[in-house]
């Protein structure tokens, strides 16, 4: 499940918690609300299929941006 909220800086914070799929919450950020929603939905869909993207797996310990998962500028 993803939580999306606007930061004071104007960027959007994405927090993804997935019981049984992620050892701890994953934090990411996006420039727009739409980009945050697309990112969160994309990650949730992959996790629902039992897929943990390699880029995502290697970077679980730090925040990601959209380009990290190949979502580019949305």
C-alpha atoms as a PDB file:
ATOM      1  CA  UNK A   1       0.000   0.000   0.000  1.00  0.00           C
ATOM      2  CA  UNK A   2       1.314   3.444  -0.907  1.00  0.00           C
ATOM      3  CA  UNK A   3       0.948   6.705   0.932  1.00  0.00           C
ATOM      4  CA  UNK A   4       1.493   9.891  -1.049  1.00  0.00           C
ATOM      5  CA  UNK A   5       1.807  13.310   0.564  1.00  0.00           C
ATOM      6  CA  UNK A   6       3.004  16.755  -0.387  1.00  0.00           C
ATOM      7  CA  UNK A   7       6.142  18.018   1.338  1.00  0.00           C
ATOM      8  CA  UNK A   8       6.635  21.617   2.436  1.00  0.00           C
ATOM      9  CA  UNK A   9       9.227  21.930  -0.355  1.00  0.00           C
ATOM     10  CA  UNK A  10       6.517  21.220  -2.942  1.00  0.00           C
ATOM     11  CA  UNK A  11       7.744  17.762  -3.926  1.00  0.00           C
ATOM     12  CA  UNK A  12       5.676  14.645  -3.317  1.00  0.00           C
ATOM     13  CA  UNK A  13       6.751  11.896  -0.933  1.00  0.00           C
ATOM     14  CA  UNK A  14       5.868   8.278  -1.693  1.00  0.00           C
ATOM     15  CA  UNK A  15       5.909   5.672   1.059  1.00  0.00           C
ATOM     16  CA  UNK A  16       5.318   2.095  -0.030  1.00  0.00           C
ATOM     17  CA  UNK A  17       4.645  -0.604   2.550  1.00  0.00           C
ATOM     18  CA  UNK A  18       4.094  -4.121   1.288  1.00  0.00           C
ATOM     19  CA  UNK A  19       3.632  -6.838   3.866  1.00  0.00           C
ATOM     20  CA  UNK A  20       5.531  -9.957   2.895  1.00  0.00           C
ATOM     21  CA  UNK A  21       7.248  -8.225  -0.011  1.00  0.00           C
ATOM     22  CA  UNK A  22       9.370  -5.498   1.532  1.00  0.00           C
ATOM     23  CA  UNK A  23      11.344  -5.784   4.761  1.00  0.00           C
ATOM     24  CA  UNK A  24      10.667  -2.123   5.591  1.00  0.00           C
ATOM     25  CA  UNK A  25       8.859   0.858   4.036  1.00  0.00           C
ATOM     26  CA  UNK A  26      10.294   2.222   0.801  1.00  0.00           C
ATOM     27  CA  UNK A  27      10.525   5.992   0.408  1.00  0.00           C
ATOM     28  CA  UNK A  28      10.697   7.840  -2.908  1.00  0.00           C
ATOM     29  CA  UNK A  29       9.914  11.309  -4.177  1.00  0.00           C
ATOM     30  CA  UNK A  30       8.446  12.888  -7.286  1.00  0.00           C
ATOM     31  CA  UNK A  31       8.004  16.395  -8.626  1.00  0.00           C
ATOM     32  CA  UNK A  32       4.267  16.104  -9.267  1.00  0.00           C
ATOM     33  CA  UNK A  33       1.341  14.310  -7.674  1.00  0.00           C
ATOM     34  CA  UNK A  34       0.595  12.510 -10.935  1.00  0.00           C
ATOM     35  CA  UNK A  35       4.173  11.248 -11.188  1.00  0.00           C
ATOM     36  CA  UNK A  36       4.022  10.055  -7.567  1.00  0.00           C
ATOM     37  CA  UNK A  37       0.807   8.133  -8.235  1.00  0.00           C
ATOM     38  CA  UNK A  38       2.184   6.540 -11.417  1.00  0.00           C
ATOM     39  CA  UNK A  39       5.373   5.517  -9.591  1.00  0.00           C
ATOM     40  CA  UNK A  40       3.489   4.033  -6.633  1.00  0.00           C
ATOM     41  CA  UNK A  41       1.034   2.178  -8.859  1.00  0.00           C
ATOM     42  CA  UNK A  42       3.848   0.765 -10.985  1.00  0.00           C
ATOM     43  CA  UNK A  43       5.764  -0.537  -7.986  1.00  0.00           C
ATOM     44  CA  UNK A  44       2.599  -1.948  -6.384  1.00  0.00           C
ATOM     45  CA  UNK A  45       1.666  -3.775  -9.592  1.00  0.00           C
ATOM     46  CA  UNK A  46       5.098  -5.367  -9.801  1.00  0.00           C
ATOM     47  CA  UNK A  47       5.003  -6.382  -6.140  1.00  0.00           C
ATOM     48  CA  UNK A  48       1.518  -7.865  -6.623  1.00  0.00           C
ATOM     49  CA  UNK A  49       3.021 -10.080  -9.331  1.00  0.00           C
ATOM     50  CA  UNK A  50       5.861 -11.119  -7.029  1.00  0.00           C
ATOM     51  CA  UNK A  51       8.388  -9.053  -8.963  1.00  0.00           C
ATOM     52  CA  UNK A  52      10.959  -6.933  -7.179  1.00  0.00           C
ATOM     53  CA  UNK A  53      12.782  -4.896  -9.860  1.00  0.00           C
ATOM     54  CA  UNK A  54      16.578  -5.288  -9.772  1.00  0.00           C
ATOM     55  CA  UNK A  55      17.143  -1.523  -9.581  1.00  0.00           C
ATOM     56  CA  UNK A  56      14.655  -1.333  -6.743  1.00  0.00           C
ATOM     57  CA  UNK A  57      16.146  -4.312  -4.924  1.00  0.00           C
ATOM     58  CA  UNK A  58      19.647  -2.789  -5.031  1.00  0.00           C
ATOM     59  CA  UNK A  59      18.464   0.575  -3.738  1.00  0.00           C
ATOM     60  CA  UNK A  60      16.040  -0.354  -0.958  1.00  0.00           C
ATOM     61  CA  UNK A  61      18.167   1.483   1.575  1.00  0.00           C
ATOM     62  CA  UNK A  62      17.845   4.949  -0.010  1.00  0.00           C
ATOM     63  CA  UNK A  63      15.180   7.146  -1.616  1.00  0.00           C
ATOM     64  CA  UNK A  64      14.549   6.719  -5.330  1.00  0.00           C
ATOM     65  CA  UNK A  65      13.415   9.057  -8.040  1.00  0.00           C
ATOM     66  CA  UNK A  66      11.230   8.162 -10.994  1.00  0.00           C
ATOM     67  CA  UNK A  67      14.104   7.597 -13.392  1.00  0.00           C
ATOM     68  CA  UNK A  68      15.527   4.872 -11.137  1.00  0.00           C
ATOM     69  CA  UNK A  69      12.694   2.506 -12.138  1.00  0.00           C
ATOM     70  CA  UNK A  70      12.771   3.641 -15.741  1.00  0.00           C
ATOM     71  CA  UNK A  71       9.692   5.839 -15.409  1.00  0.00           C
ATOM     72  CA  UNK A  72      11.615   8.923 -16.577  1.00  0.00           C
ATOM     73  CA  UNK A  73       9.914  12.288 -16.654  1.00  0.00           C
ATOM     74  CA  UNK A  74       6.215  11.739 -16.188  1.00  0.00           C
END
